Amino acid sequence: MRHRFGNAKLKRDIGARNSLLKNLTTSVILEERVITTVPKAKAVQPIVENMITLAKRDSLHARRQAAQVLETPKSVQKLFDTL
């Protein structure tokens, strides 16, 4: 059985994987599209959806939570102002 298998490892250690997912999330927010492989896109999709949910709340706490994941202040501003 496949109970609670976790996320895709993408052939990287935990630090490189977290950096990759943060960079992909930031790129999706800034450019609104990204060219990548299917496993990477499937791994980053829940993170991007969580960022959009945070933007719907639009509070200071939500902005700070988004700033932890997104790399640049410009991406946080675009997420909360335009998206």
C-alpha atoms as a PDB file:
ATOM      1  CA  MET A   1       0.000   0.000   0.000  1.00  0.00           C
ATOM      2  CA  ARG A   2       1.021   3.553  -0.627  1.00  0.00           C
ATOM      3  CA  HIS A   3       0.209   5.375   2.588  1.00  0.00           C
ATOM      4  CA  ARG A   4       1.784   8.813   3.154  1.00  0.00           C
ATOM      5  CA  PHE A   5       4.661   8.485   0.712  1.00  0.00           C
ATOM      6  CA  GLY A   6       5.668  12.131   0.824  1.00  0.00           C
ATOM      7  CA  ASN A   7       6.679  14.453  -1.960  1.00  0.00           C
ATOM      8  CA  ALA A   8       8.811  13.892  -5.037  1.00  0.00           C
ATOM      9  CA  LYS A   9      12.539  13.925  -4.323  1.00  0.00           C
ATOM     10  CA  LEU A  10      13.516  15.105  -7.815  1.00  0.00           C
ATOM     11  CA  LYS A  11      16.967  13.484  -7.385  1.00  0.00           C
ATOM     12  CA  ARG A  12      18.137  16.233  -5.015  1.00  0.00           C
ATOM     13  CA  ASP A  13      18.945  16.524  -1.338  1.00  0.00           C
ATOM     14  CA  ILE A  14      16.582  18.508   0.884  1.00  0.00           C
ATOM     15  CA  GLY A  15      18.370  21.852   0.578  1.00  0.00           C
ATOM     16  CA  ALA A  16      18.640  21.772  -3.193  1.00  0.00           C
ATOM     17  CA  ARG A  17      15.034  20.595  -3.494  1.00  0.00           C
ATOM     18  CA  ASN A  18      13.736  23.411  -1.294  1.00  0.00           C
ATOM     19  CA  SER A  19      15.737  25.972  -3.263  1.00  0.00           C
ATOM     20  CA  LEU A  20      14.450  24.583  -6.548  1.00  0.00           C
ATOM     21  CA  LEU A  21      10.834  24.730  -5.392  1.00  0.00           C
ATOM     22  CA  LYS A  22      11.224  28.270  -4.015  1.00  0.00           C
ATOM     23  CA  ASN A  23      12.813  29.460  -7.256  1.00  0.00           C
ATOM     24  CA  LEU A  24      10.141  27.808  -9.393  1.00  0.00           C
ATOM     25  CA  THR A  25       7.382  29.294  -7.247  1.00  0.00           C
ATOM     26  CA  THR A  26       8.905  32.756  -7.516  1.00  0.00           C
ATOM     27  CA  SER A  27       9.253  32.389 -11.281  1.00  0.00           C
ATOM     28  CA  VAL A  28       5.638  31.295 -11.663  1.00  0.00           C
ATOM     29  CA  ILE A  29       4.440  34.306  -9.653  1.00  0.00           C
ATOM     30  CA  LEU A  30       6.624  36.815 -11.518  1.00  0.00           C
ATOM     31  CA  GLU A  31       6.322  35.502 -15.064  1.00  0.00           C
ATOM     32  CA  GLU A  32       2.952  33.725 -14.698  1.00  0.00           C
ATOM     33  CA  ARG A  33       4.309  30.739 -16.643  1.00  0.00           C
ATOM     34  CA  VAL A  34       7.398  28.576 -16.539  1.00  0.00           C
ATOM     35  CA  ILE A  35       8.937  25.963 -18.832  1.00  0.00           C
ATOM     36  CA  THR A  36       9.979  22.935 -16.791  1.00  0.00           C
ATOM     37  CA  THR A  37       9.567  19.186 -16.568  1.00  0.00           C
ATOM     38  CA  VAL A  38       6.299  17.536 -15.585  1.00  0.00           C
ATOM     39  CA  PRO A  39       7.519  16.146 -12.200  1.00  0.00           C
ATOM     40  CA  LYS A  40       8.861  19.561 -11.169  1.00  0.00           C
ATOM     41  CA  ALA A  41       5.615  21.224 -12.217  1.00  0.00           C
ATOM     42  CA  LYS A  42       3.588  18.703 -10.226  1.00  0.00           C
ATOM     43  CA  ALA A  43       5.814  19.262  -7.184  1.00  0.00           C
ATOM     44  CA  VAL A  44       5.501  23.056  -7.308  1.00  0.00           C
ATOM     45  CA  GLN A  45       1.752  23.201  -8.030  1.00  0.00           C
ATOM     46  CA  PRO A  46       0.547  22.845  -4.390  1.00  0.00           C
ATOM     47  CA  ILE A  47       2.992  25.527  -3.254  1.00  0.00           C
ATOM     48  CA  VAL A  48       1.755  28.000  -5.883  1.00  0.00           C
ATOM     49  CA  GLU A  49      -1.854  27.239  -4.977  1.00  0.00           C
ATOM     50  CA  ASN A  50      -1.025  27.886  -1.317  1.00  0.00           C
ATOM     51  CA  MET A  51       0.512  31.255  -2.256  1.00  0.00           C
ATOM     52  CA  ILE A  52      -2.666  32.206  -4.127  1.00  0.00           C
ATOM     53  CA  THR A  53      -4.731  31.240  -1.082  1.00  0.00           C
ATOM     54  CA  LEU A  54      -2.522  33.448   1.092  1.00  0.00           C
ATOM     55  CA  ALA A  55      -3.033  36.324  -1.349  1.00  0.00           C
ATOM     56  CA  LYS A  56      -6.795  36.007  -0.986  1.00  0.00           C
ATOM     57  CA  ARG A  57      -6.479  36.669   2.753  1.00  0.00           C
ATOM     58  CA  ASP A  58      -4.356  39.811   2.207  1.00  0.00           C
ATOM     59  CA  SER A  59      -3.260  40.392   5.791  1.00  0.00           C
ATOM     60  CA  LEU A  60       0.137  41.255   7.213  1.00  0.00           C
ATOM     61  CA  HIS A  61       0.556  37.729   8.521  1.00  0.00           C
ATOM     62  CA  ALA A  62      -0.265  36.273   5.097  1.00  0.00           C
ATOM     63  CA  ARG A  63       2.286  38.595   3.468  1.00  0.00           C
ATOM     64  CA  ARG A  64       4.964  37.474   5.885  1.00  0.00           C
ATOM     65  CA  GLN A  65       4.138  33.819   5.291  1.00  0.00           C
ATOM     66  CA  ALA A  66       4.393  34.364   1.537  1.00  0.00           C
ATOM     67  CA  ALA A  67       7.687  36.230   1.953  1.00  0.00           C
ATOM     68  CA  GLN A  68       9.154  33.131   3.612  1.00  0.00           C
ATOM     69  CA  VAL A  69       8.560  31.096   0.462  1.00  0.00           C
ATOM     70  CA  LEU A  70       9.017  33.674  -2.287  1.00  0.00           C
ATOM     71  CA  GLU A  71      12.536  34.897  -2.998  1.00  0.00           C
ATOM     72  CA  THR A  72      12.026  38.567  -3.914  1.00  0.00           C
ATOM     73  CA  PRO A  73       9.919  41.368  -2.440  1.00  0.00           C
ATOM     74  CA  LYS A  74       8.771  42.181  -5.994  1.00  0.00           C
ATOM     75  CA  SER A  75       7.155  38.746  -6.263  1.00  0.00           C
ATOM     76  CA  VAL A  76       5.327  39.207  -2.945  1.00  0.00           C
ATOM     77  CA  GLN A  77       4.072  42.597  -4.081  1.00  0.00           C
ATOM     78  CA  LYS A  78       2.858  41.232  -7.414  1.00  0.00           C
ATOM     79  CA  LEU A  79       1.170  38.288  -5.714  1.00  0.00           C
ATOM     80  CA  PHE A  80      -0.841  40.475  -3.350  1.00  0.00           C
ATOM     81  CA  ASP A  81      -1.488  43.452  -5.636  1.00  0.00           C
ATOM     82  CA  THR A  82      -2.199  42.054  -9.097  1.00  0.00           C
ATOM     83  CA  LEU A  83      -2.837  38.344  -8.733  1.00  0.00           C
END
